[in-house]
């Protein structure tokens, strides 16, 4: 959270001529509640189930950039599922940047705690190893949105090219 995935994802999608989808927005529309209300009424486990359902069935298999919440990839089996759907790029930022970027937004259920900085450090410590295994990783610290977009486009194109199957040899 607070790494710029929605703003950056929108621009990357526009550059590629793809559709942009935000998993949180889609879940809110499907359930009819804001994310904070889902957490409050149904709990984090149910929210994670909604995330999994979205990834499994809630978007096209091609031509889209999907922005997902930071807790999605740490779910059991999710890293492999995401990789099967396309190129996975994880955005990072320092704890300080995340605090600065999220401090103006009270709609972050995981940060509605007495010590948000300690919670961010805890989440990053638990999630970072999974992020590193899940796909390409790009830091947003000290970079403008256009710089990160260019880096993401280069990374996407390199990964997409690498992941394409080799053509079969022609029969003689």
N, C-alpha and C. Protein backbone atom coordinates (compact mmCIF):
# COMPACT_ATOMS: atom_id res chain seq x y z
N UNK A 1 0.83 -1.18 0.00
CA UNK A 1 0.00 0.00 0.00
C UNK A 1 0.87 1.24 0.00
N UNK A 2 0.39 2.26 -0.69
CA UNK A 2 1.12 3.52 -0.71
C UNK A 2 2.35 3.52 -1.60
N UNK A 3 2.45 2.57 -2.51
CA UNK A 3 3.61 2.54 -3.40
C UNK A 3 3.30 3.16 -4.77
N UNK A 4 2.04 3.49 -5.01
CA UNK A 4 1.65 4.14 -6.26
C UNK A 4 1.10 3.20 -7.31
N UNK A 5 0.70 2.00 -6.91
CA UNK A 5 0.29 1.00 -7.90
C UNK A 5 -0.92 1.42 -8.74
N UNK A 6 -1.85 2.13 -8.17
CA UNK A 6 -3.03 2.54 -8.96
C UNK A 6 -2.66 3.63 -9.96
N UNK A 7 -1.98 4.67 -9.51
CA UNK A 7 -1.59 5.76 -10.41
C UNK A 7 -0.65 5.25 -11.50
N UNK A 8 0.30 4.45 -11.11
CA UNK A 8 1.28 3.92 -12.07
C UNK A 8 0.62 2.90 -12.99
N UNK A 9 -0.19 2.02 -12.43
CA UNK A 9 -0.88 1.01 -13.23
C UNK A 9 -1.76 1.62 -14.30
N UNK A 10 -2.47 2.70 -13.96
CA UNK A 10 -3.32 3.38 -14.95
C UNK A 10 -2.49 3.87 -16.13
N UNK A 11 -1.36 4.47 -15.82
CA UNK A 11 -0.51 5.02 -16.89
C UNK A 11 0.13 3.92 -17.73
N UNK A 12 0.55 2.85 -17.09
CA UNK A 12 1.13 1.72 -17.83
C UNK A 12 0.07 1.13 -18.76
N UNK A 13 -1.13 0.94 -18.27
CA UNK A 13 -2.21 0.41 -19.10
C UNK A 13 -2.47 1.32 -20.31
N UNK A 14 -2.51 2.61 -20.06
CA UNK A 14 -2.74 3.57 -21.16
C UNK A 14 -1.63 3.45 -22.21
N UNK A 15 -0.38 3.38 -21.76
CA UNK A 15 0.76 3.27 -22.68
C UNK A 15 0.69 1.99 -23.52
N UNK A 16 0.21 0.92 -22.93
CA UNK A 16 0.13 -0.37 -23.63
C UNK A 16 -1.16 -0.53 -24.43
N UNK A 17 -2.11 0.40 -24.23
CA UNK A 17 -3.42 0.26 -24.87
C UNK A 17 -4.25 -0.84 -24.23
N UNK A 18 -4.01 -1.09 -22.93
CA UNK A 18 -4.69 -2.13 -22.18
C UNK A 18 -5.75 -1.50 -21.28
N UNK A 19 -6.60 -2.34 -20.77
CA UNK A 19 -7.59 -1.94 -19.78
C UNK A 19 -6.91 -1.94 -18.40
N UNK A 20 -7.29 -1.01 -17.53
CA UNK A 20 -6.76 -0.98 -16.17
C UNK A 20 -7.85 -1.46 -15.21
N UNK A 21 -7.49 -2.40 -14.34
CA UNK A 21 -8.42 -2.90 -13.33
C UNK A 21 -7.75 -2.81 -11.96
N UNK A 22 -8.48 -2.31 -11.00
CA UNK A 22 -8.01 -2.28 -9.61
C UNK A 22 -8.82 -3.30 -8.84
N UNK A 23 -8.15 -4.29 -8.26
CA UNK A 23 -8.87 -5.37 -7.58
C UNK A 23 -9.75 -4.83 -6.45
N UNK A 24 -9.26 -3.85 -5.69
CA UNK A 24 -10.07 -3.30 -4.60
C UNK A 24 -11.34 -2.65 -5.13
N UNK A 25 -11.23 -1.88 -6.21
CA UNK A 25 -12.42 -1.25 -6.80
C UNK A 25 -13.43 -2.29 -7.25
N UNK A 26 -12.95 -3.34 -7.90
CA UNK A 26 -13.83 -4.40 -8.39
C UNK A 26 -14.52 -5.13 -7.24
N UNK A 27 -13.75 -5.40 -6.18
CA UNK A 27 -14.33 -6.07 -5.02
C UNK A 27 -15.39 -5.19 -4.37
N UNK A 28 -15.12 -3.91 -4.23
CA UNK A 28 -16.10 -2.99 -3.63
C UNK A 28 -17.39 -2.98 -4.44
N UNK A 29 -17.28 -2.96 -5.76
CA UNK A 29 -18.48 -2.97 -6.61
C UNK A 29 -19.24 -4.29 -6.49
N UNK A 30 -18.50 -5.38 -6.48
CA UNK A 30 -19.12 -6.71 -6.41
C UNK A 30 -19.84 -6.91 -5.08
N UNK A 31 -19.20 -6.52 -3.98
CA UNK A 31 -19.75 -6.77 -2.65
C UNK A 31 -20.72 -5.66 -2.23
N UNK A 32 -20.55 -4.46 -2.80
CA UNK A 32 -21.41 -3.34 -2.43
C UNK A 32 -20.99 -2.65 -1.15
N UNK A 33 -19.72 -2.82 -0.79
CA UNK A 33 -19.17 -2.18 0.41
C UNK A 33 -17.76 -1.70 0.13
N UNK A 34 -17.34 -0.67 0.86
CA UNK A 34 -15.95 -0.21 0.81
C UNK A 34 -15.07 -1.26 1.49
N UNK A 35 -13.80 -1.25 1.15
CA UNK A 35 -12.87 -2.22 1.71
C UNK A 35 -12.87 -2.16 3.24
N UNK A 36 -12.85 -0.96 3.79
CA UNK A 36 -12.85 -0.82 5.26
C UNK A 36 -14.10 -1.47 5.87
N UNK A 37 -15.23 -1.32 5.21
CA UNK A 37 -16.48 -1.93 5.71
C UNK A 37 -16.44 -3.46 5.59
N UNK A 38 -15.81 -3.96 4.53
CA UNK A 38 -15.66 -5.41 4.38
C UNK A 38 -14.82 -5.95 5.52
N UNK A 39 -13.69 -5.30 5.79
CA UNK A 39 -12.82 -5.72 6.89
C UNK A 39 -13.58 -5.70 8.21
N UNK A 40 -14.34 -4.62 8.44
CA UNK A 40 -15.05 -4.47 9.71
C UNK A 40 -16.17 -5.50 9.87
N UNK A 41 -16.93 -5.73 8.83
CA UNK A 41 -18.10 -6.61 8.92
C UNK A 41 -17.78 -8.08 8.69
N UNK A 42 -16.84 -8.35 7.78
CA UNK A 42 -16.61 -9.74 7.37
C UNK A 42 -15.22 -10.26 7.72
N UNK A 43 -14.30 -9.35 8.03
CA UNK A 43 -12.96 -9.75 8.41
C UNK A 43 -11.99 -9.85 7.25
N UNK A 44 -10.71 -9.89 7.60
CA UNK A 44 -9.66 -9.94 6.58
C UNK A 44 -9.71 -11.24 5.78
N UNK A 45 -9.99 -12.36 6.43
CA UNK A 45 -10.02 -13.64 5.72
C UNK A 45 -11.04 -13.62 4.58
N UNK A 46 -12.21 -13.06 4.82
CA UNK A 46 -13.23 -12.99 3.77
C UNK A 46 -12.79 -12.04 2.65
N UNK A 47 -12.16 -10.93 3.02
CA UNK A 47 -11.64 -10.02 2.00
C UNK A 47 -10.63 -10.74 1.12
N UNK A 48 -9.74 -11.54 1.72
CA UNK A 48 -8.74 -12.29 0.95
C UNK A 48 -9.43 -13.31 0.03
N UNK A 49 -10.53 -13.87 0.47
CA UNK A 49 -11.30 -14.79 -0.38
C UNK A 49 -11.86 -14.05 -1.59
N UNK A 50 -12.34 -12.83 -1.37
CA UNK A 50 -12.82 -12.01 -2.49
C UNK A 50 -11.68 -11.71 -3.47
N UNK A 51 -10.49 -11.43 -2.92
CA UNK A 51 -9.34 -11.16 -3.79
C UNK A 51 -9.03 -12.39 -4.66
N UNK A 52 -8.99 -13.55 -4.04
CA UNK A 52 -8.69 -14.78 -4.77
C UNK A 52 -9.73 -15.01 -5.87
N UNK A 53 -10.99 -14.83 -5.54
CA UNK A 53 -12.05 -15.01 -6.53
C UNK A 53 -11.87 -14.06 -7.70
N UNK A 54 -11.50 -12.81 -7.41
CA UNK A 54 -11.26 -11.84 -8.48
C UNK A 54 -10.13 -12.30 -9.40
N UNK A 55 -9.04 -12.76 -8.81
CA UNK A 55 -7.91 -13.20 -9.62
C UNK A 55 -8.28 -14.43 -10.43
N UNK A 56 -9.03 -15.34 -9.84
CA UNK A 56 -9.39 -16.57 -10.55
C UNK A 56 -10.40 -16.33 -11.67
N UNK A 57 -11.34 -15.40 -11.47
CA UNK A 57 -12.43 -15.27 -12.44
C UNK A 57 -12.82 -13.85 -12.82
N UNK A 58 -12.25 -12.84 -12.18
CA UNK A 58 -12.81 -11.50 -12.31
C UNK A 58 -12.22 -10.57 -13.33
N UNK A 59 -11.38 -11.08 -14.23
CA UNK A 59 -10.83 -10.15 -15.22
C UNK A 59 -10.42 -10.90 -16.48
N UNK A 60 -10.25 -10.15 -17.57
CA UNK A 60 -9.83 -10.80 -18.82
C UNK A 60 -8.45 -11.45 -18.65
N UNK A 61 -8.17 -12.42 -19.48
CA UNK A 61 -6.87 -13.10 -19.39
C UNK A 61 -5.79 -12.39 -20.19
N UNK A 62 -6.17 -11.42 -21.00
CA UNK A 62 -5.21 -10.67 -21.80
C UNK A 62 -5.63 -9.22 -21.88
N UNK A 63 -4.65 -8.36 -22.20
CA UNK A 63 -4.95 -6.96 -22.49
C UNK A 63 -5.36 -6.13 -21.29
N UNK A 64 -4.87 -6.49 -20.11
CA UNK A 64 -5.21 -5.66 -18.95
C UNK A 64 -4.04 -5.58 -17.98
N UNK A 65 -4.00 -4.48 -17.27
CA UNK A 65 -3.08 -4.28 -16.16
C UNK A 65 -3.94 -4.33 -14.91
N UNK A 66 -3.56 -5.19 -13.97
CA UNK A 66 -4.34 -5.37 -12.76
C UNK A 66 -3.53 -4.89 -11.57
N UNK A 67 -4.10 -3.98 -10.82
CA UNK A 67 -3.49 -3.50 -9.58
C UNK A 67 -4.12 -4.27 -8.42
N UNK A 68 -3.27 -4.96 -7.67
CA UNK A 68 -3.75 -5.78 -6.56
C UNK A 68 -3.20 -5.27 -5.24
N UNK A 69 -3.91 -5.53 -4.17
CA UNK A 69 -3.46 -5.14 -2.85
C UNK A 69 -2.22 -5.91 -2.43
N UNK A 70 -1.47 -5.33 -1.52
CA UNK A 70 -0.20 -5.89 -1.08
C UNK A 70 -0.31 -7.22 -0.36
N UNK A 71 -1.47 -7.54 0.18
CA UNK A 71 -1.63 -8.80 0.89
C UNK A 71 -2.05 -9.96 0.00
N UNK A 72 -2.39 -9.67 -1.24
CA UNK A 72 -2.89 -10.71 -2.13
C UNK A 72 -1.85 -11.78 -2.40
N UNK A 73 -0.66 -11.38 -2.75
CA UNK A 73 0.36 -12.33 -3.19
C UNK A 73 0.84 -13.27 -2.08
N UNK A 74 0.65 -12.89 -0.83
CA UNK A 74 1.13 -13.74 0.27
C UNK A 74 0.19 -14.89 0.60
N UNK A 75 -0.98 -14.92 -0.01
CA UNK A 75 -1.91 -16.03 0.21
C UNK A 75 -1.33 -17.32 -0.39
N UNK A 76 -1.62 -18.42 0.26
CA UNK A 76 -1.16 -19.74 -0.19
C UNK A 76 -1.49 -19.97 -1.66
N UNK A 77 -0.47 -20.28 -2.46
CA UNK A 77 -0.63 -20.60 -3.87
C UNK A 77 -0.87 -19.42 -4.79
N UNK A 78 -0.98 -18.22 -4.23
CA UNK A 78 -1.33 -17.06 -5.05
C UNK A 78 -0.20 -16.64 -5.98
N UNK A 79 1.03 -16.74 -5.55
CA UNK A 79 2.15 -16.35 -6.40
C UNK A 79 2.14 -17.15 -7.71
N UNK A 80 1.97 -18.45 -7.61
CA UNK A 80 1.92 -19.28 -8.81
C UNK A 80 0.70 -18.95 -9.66
N UNK A 81 -0.43 -18.72 -9.03
CA UNK A 81 -1.64 -18.37 -9.78
C UNK A 81 -1.44 -17.06 -10.54
N UNK A 82 -0.87 -16.06 -9.88
CA UNK A 82 -0.62 -14.78 -10.54
C UNK A 82 0.32 -14.94 -11.73
N UNK A 83 1.39 -15.70 -11.54
CA UNK A 83 2.34 -15.92 -12.63
C UNK A 83 1.68 -16.63 -13.81
N UNK A 84 0.72 -17.50 -13.52
CA UNK A 84 0.02 -18.20 -14.61
C UNK A 84 -0.88 -17.25 -15.40
N UNK A 85 -1.24 -16.12 -14.78
CA UNK A 85 -2.13 -15.15 -15.44
C UNK A 85 -1.37 -14.15 -16.29
N UNK A 86 -0.07 -13.92 -15.99
CA UNK A 86 0.68 -12.93 -16.75
C UNK A 86 1.93 -12.49 -16.02
N UNK A 87 2.44 -11.35 -16.43
CA UNK A 87 3.65 -10.79 -15.84
C UNK A 87 3.31 -10.18 -14.48
N UNK A 88 4.09 -10.51 -13.46
CA UNK A 88 3.88 -9.97 -12.12
C UNK A 88 5.00 -8.99 -11.82
N UNK A 89 4.61 -7.78 -11.45
CA UNK A 89 5.58 -6.75 -11.06
C UNK A 89 5.16 -6.22 -9.70
N UNK A 90 6.06 -6.28 -8.74
CA UNK A 90 5.80 -5.78 -7.39
C UNK A 90 6.47 -4.41 -7.22
N UNK A 91 5.70 -3.45 -6.79
CA UNK A 91 6.24 -2.11 -6.50
C UNK A 91 6.58 -2.02 -5.02
N UNK A 92 7.69 -1.36 -4.73
CA UNK A 92 8.16 -1.19 -3.36
C UNK A 92 8.35 0.27 -3.03
N UNK A 93 8.35 0.57 -1.74
CA UNK A 93 8.73 1.89 -1.23
C UNK A 93 9.25 1.68 0.19
N UNK A 94 9.98 2.65 0.67
CA UNK A 94 10.48 2.58 2.03
C UNK A 94 9.34 2.78 3.02
N UNK A 95 9.56 2.37 4.25
CA UNK A 95 8.57 2.57 5.30
C UNK A 95 8.22 4.05 5.40
N UNK A 96 9.22 4.90 5.35
CA UNK A 96 8.99 6.34 5.47
C UNK A 96 8.11 6.87 4.34
N UNK A 97 8.37 6.42 3.12
CA UNK A 97 7.54 6.84 1.99
C UNK A 97 6.11 6.35 2.13
N UNK A 98 5.95 5.10 2.55
CA UNK A 98 4.61 4.55 2.72
C UNK A 98 3.85 5.31 3.78
N UNK A 99 4.50 5.62 4.89
CA UNK A 99 3.85 6.41 5.95
C UNK A 99 3.41 7.76 5.42
N UNK A 100 4.31 8.42 4.71
CA UNK A 100 3.99 9.76 4.18
C UNK A 100 2.83 9.67 3.19
N UNK A 101 2.83 8.68 2.34
CA UNK A 101 1.81 8.55 1.30
C UNK A 101 0.46 8.08 1.83
N UNK A 102 0.45 7.32 2.91
CA UNK A 102 -0.81 6.78 3.43
C UNK A 102 -1.38 7.59 4.59
N UNK A 103 -0.61 8.52 5.13
CA UNK A 103 -1.05 9.24 6.34
C UNK A 103 -2.30 10.09 6.13
N UNK A 104 -2.58 10.45 4.89
CA UNK A 104 -3.75 11.29 4.61
C UNK A 104 -4.99 10.47 4.29
N UNK A 105 -4.89 9.15 4.35
CA UNK A 105 -6.00 8.29 3.96
C UNK A 105 -6.39 7.39 5.13
N UNK A 106 -7.59 7.58 5.65
CA UNK A 106 -8.07 6.77 6.78
C UNK A 106 -8.78 5.49 6.34
N UNK A 107 -8.83 5.23 5.03
CA UNK A 107 -9.52 4.05 4.52
C UNK A 107 -8.58 2.87 4.33
N UNK A 108 -7.63 2.72 5.20
CA UNK A 108 -6.66 1.62 5.12
C UNK A 108 -6.81 0.78 6.38
N UNK A 109 -7.64 -0.25 6.31
CA UNK A 109 -7.96 -1.03 7.52
C UNK A 109 -6.74 -1.59 8.23
N UNK A 110 -5.73 -2.00 7.49
CA UNK A 110 -4.56 -2.59 8.14
C UNK A 110 -3.72 -1.56 8.88
N UNK A 111 -3.96 -0.27 8.60
CA UNK A 111 -3.20 0.78 9.28
C UNK A 111 -4.01 1.52 10.33
N UNK A 112 -5.24 1.11 10.54
CA UNK A 112 -6.07 1.72 11.60
C UNK A 112 -5.72 1.09 12.94
N UNK A 113 -4.48 1.33 13.35
CA UNK A 113 -3.92 0.79 14.60
C UNK A 113 -3.22 1.92 15.34
N UNK A 114 -2.86 1.67 16.59
CA UNK A 114 -2.20 2.70 17.41
C UNK A 114 -0.87 3.14 16.82
N UNK A 115 -0.10 2.21 16.23
CA UNK A 115 1.22 2.54 15.70
C UNK A 115 1.33 2.08 14.24
N UNK A 116 0.86 2.92 13.30
CA UNK A 116 0.89 2.53 11.88
C UNK A 116 2.30 2.21 11.37
N UNK A 117 3.30 2.94 11.85
CA UNK A 117 4.66 2.68 11.39
C UNK A 117 5.11 1.27 11.77
N UNK A 118 4.84 0.87 13.00
CA UNK A 118 5.21 -0.48 13.43
C UNK A 118 4.45 -1.51 12.59
N UNK A 119 3.20 -1.25 12.28
CA UNK A 119 2.39 -2.17 11.47
C UNK A 119 2.96 -2.29 10.06
N UNK A 120 3.38 -1.17 9.47
CA UNK A 120 3.97 -1.19 8.14
C UNK A 120 5.26 -2.01 8.16
N UNK A 121 6.09 -1.79 9.16
CA UNK A 121 7.34 -2.55 9.28
C UNK A 121 7.05 -4.05 9.41
N UNK A 122 6.05 -4.39 10.20
CA UNK A 122 5.67 -5.79 10.39
C UNK A 122 5.17 -6.41 9.08
N UNK A 123 4.31 -5.69 8.38
CA UNK A 123 3.78 -6.20 7.11
C UNK A 123 4.90 -6.39 6.08
N UNK A 124 5.79 -5.40 5.99
CA UNK A 124 6.88 -5.51 5.02
C UNK A 124 7.82 -6.67 5.36
N UNK A 125 8.13 -6.83 6.63
CA UNK A 125 9.01 -7.93 7.04
C UNK A 125 8.41 -9.29 6.65
N UNK A 126 7.11 -9.42 6.82
CA UNK A 126 6.45 -10.68 6.50
C UNK A 126 6.26 -10.88 5.00
N UNK A 127 5.99 -9.80 4.28
CA UNK A 127 5.63 -9.91 2.87
C UNK A 127 6.81 -9.82 1.91
N UNK A 128 7.85 -9.10 2.27
CA UNK A 128 8.93 -8.84 1.33
C UNK A 128 9.54 -10.10 0.72
N UNK A 129 9.82 -11.15 1.50
CA UNK A 129 10.38 -12.36 0.87
C UNK A 129 9.45 -12.96 -0.18
N UNK A 130 8.16 -12.90 0.06
CA UNK A 130 7.20 -13.44 -0.92
C UNK A 130 7.19 -12.56 -2.16
N UNK A 131 7.21 -11.23 -1.97
CA UNK A 131 7.24 -10.33 -3.12
C UNK A 131 8.45 -10.64 -4.00
N UNK A 132 9.61 -10.83 -3.38
CA UNK A 132 10.84 -11.07 -4.12
C UNK A 132 10.76 -12.33 -4.97
N UNK A 133 9.99 -13.30 -4.53
CA UNK A 133 9.84 -14.56 -5.26
C UNK A 133 8.73 -14.49 -6.30
N UNK A 134 7.88 -13.47 -6.22
CA UNK A 134 6.67 -13.44 -7.03
C UNK A 134 6.84 -12.85 -8.41
N UNK A 135 7.83 -12.01 -8.59
CA UNK A 135 7.99 -11.36 -9.89
C UNK A 135 9.05 -10.30 -9.85
N UNK A 136 9.09 -9.49 -10.87
CA UNK A 136 10.04 -8.38 -10.93
C UNK A 136 9.68 -7.38 -9.84
N UNK A 137 10.69 -6.76 -9.25
CA UNK A 137 10.47 -5.81 -8.16
C UNK A 137 11.05 -4.45 -8.55
N UNK A 138 10.24 -3.41 -8.36
CA UNK A 138 10.64 -2.05 -8.73
C UNK A 138 10.37 -1.12 -7.56
N UNK A 139 11.37 -0.33 -7.18
CA UNK A 139 11.21 0.65 -6.11
C UNK A 139 10.64 1.94 -6.68
N UNK A 140 9.72 2.55 -5.94
CA UNK A 140 9.15 3.84 -6.35
C UNK A 140 9.76 5.00 -5.58
N UNK A 141 10.64 4.70 -4.62
CA UNK A 141 11.26 5.75 -3.81
C UNK A 141 12.12 6.68 -4.65
N UNK A 142 11.95 7.98 -4.44
CA UNK A 142 12.79 8.98 -5.08
C UNK A 142 12.64 9.03 -6.59
N UNK A 143 11.57 8.48 -7.11
CA UNK A 143 11.35 8.46 -8.55
C UNK A 143 10.00 9.09 -8.86
N UNK A 144 9.93 9.73 -10.00
CA UNK A 144 8.66 10.30 -10.43
C UNK A 144 7.79 9.18 -11.02
N UNK A 145 6.51 9.47 -11.11
CA UNK A 145 5.61 8.49 -11.72
C UNK A 145 6.04 8.17 -13.15
N UNK A 146 6.37 9.15 -13.99
CA UNK A 146 6.82 8.81 -15.35
C UNK A 146 8.08 7.92 -15.36
N UNK A 147 9.00 8.11 -14.42
CA UNK A 147 10.19 7.26 -14.36
C UNK A 147 9.82 5.81 -14.03
N UNK A 148 8.93 5.65 -13.07
CA UNK A 148 8.51 4.30 -12.69
C UNK A 148 7.73 3.65 -13.83
N UNK A 149 6.90 4.42 -14.50
CA UNK A 149 6.13 3.89 -15.64
C UNK A 149 7.09 3.37 -16.71
N UNK A 150 8.11 4.16 -17.05
CA UNK A 150 9.08 3.72 -18.06
C UNK A 150 9.77 2.43 -17.63
N UNK A 151 10.16 2.37 -16.37
CA UNK A 151 10.81 1.16 -15.85
C UNK A 151 9.86 -0.03 -15.92
N UNK A 152 8.60 0.18 -15.54
CA UNK A 152 7.62 -0.92 -15.60
C UNK A 152 7.40 -1.39 -17.03
N UNK A 153 7.32 -0.46 -17.97
CA UNK A 153 7.11 -0.84 -19.37
C UNK A 153 8.29 -1.67 -19.88
N UNK A 154 9.52 -1.24 -19.56
CA UNK A 154 10.70 -2.02 -19.97
C UNK A 154 10.66 -3.42 -19.34
N UNK A 155 10.33 -3.47 -18.05
CA UNK A 155 10.27 -4.75 -17.34
C UNK A 155 9.19 -5.63 -17.91
N UNK A 156 8.02 -5.08 -18.13
CA UNK A 156 6.91 -5.85 -18.68
C UNK A 156 7.29 -6.44 -20.04
N UNK A 157 7.82 -5.61 -20.90
CA UNK A 157 8.16 -6.08 -22.25
C UNK A 157 9.23 -7.17 -22.21
N UNK A 158 10.22 -7.00 -21.35
CA UNK A 158 11.27 -8.02 -21.23
C UNK A 158 10.70 -9.33 -20.68
N UNK A 159 9.86 -9.25 -19.67
CA UNK A 159 9.28 -10.45 -19.07
C UNK A 159 8.29 -11.12 -20.02
N UNK A 160 7.48 -10.33 -20.70
CA UNK A 160 6.49 -10.90 -21.63
C UNK A 160 7.20 -11.61 -22.78
N UNK A 161 8.28 -11.02 -23.27
CA UNK A 161 9.04 -11.64 -24.36
C UNK A 161 9.68 -12.94 -23.89
N UNK A 162 10.24 -12.92 -22.69
CA UNK A 162 10.90 -14.10 -22.12
C UNK A 162 9.90 -15.23 -21.90
N UNK A 163 8.67 -14.89 -21.49
CA UNK A 163 7.67 -15.89 -21.13
C UNK A 163 6.88 -16.44 -22.32
N UNK A 164 7.10 -15.89 -23.52
CA UNK A 164 6.37 -16.39 -24.68
C UNK A 164 6.94 -17.75 -25.08
N UNK A 165 6.06 -18.67 -25.42
CA UNK A 165 6.56 -19.99 -25.85
C UNK A 165 7.32 -19.88 -27.17
N UNK A 166 8.30 -20.71 -27.30
CA UNK A 166 9.06 -20.76 -28.56
C UNK A 166 8.16 -21.36 -29.65
N UNK A 167 8.22 -20.82 -30.85
CA UNK A 167 7.41 -21.41 -31.92
C UNK A 167 7.90 -22.83 -32.24
N UNK A 168 6.96 -23.67 -32.59
CA UNK A 168 7.30 -25.03 -32.96
C UNK A 168 7.99 -25.04 -34.32
N UNK A 169 8.96 -25.92 -34.51
CA UNK A 169 9.60 -25.98 -35.83
C UNK A 169 8.59 -26.44 -36.87
N UNK A 170 8.76 -25.94 -38.08
CA UNK A 170 7.85 -26.32 -39.15
C UNK A 170 8.14 -27.75 -39.57
N UNK A 171 7.07 -28.47 -39.87
CA UNK A 171 7.23 -29.85 -40.34
C UNK A 171 7.72 -29.85 -41.77
N UNK A 172 8.53 -30.81 -42.08
CA UNK A 172 9.06 -30.89 -43.44
C UNK A 172 8.29 -31.86 -44.28
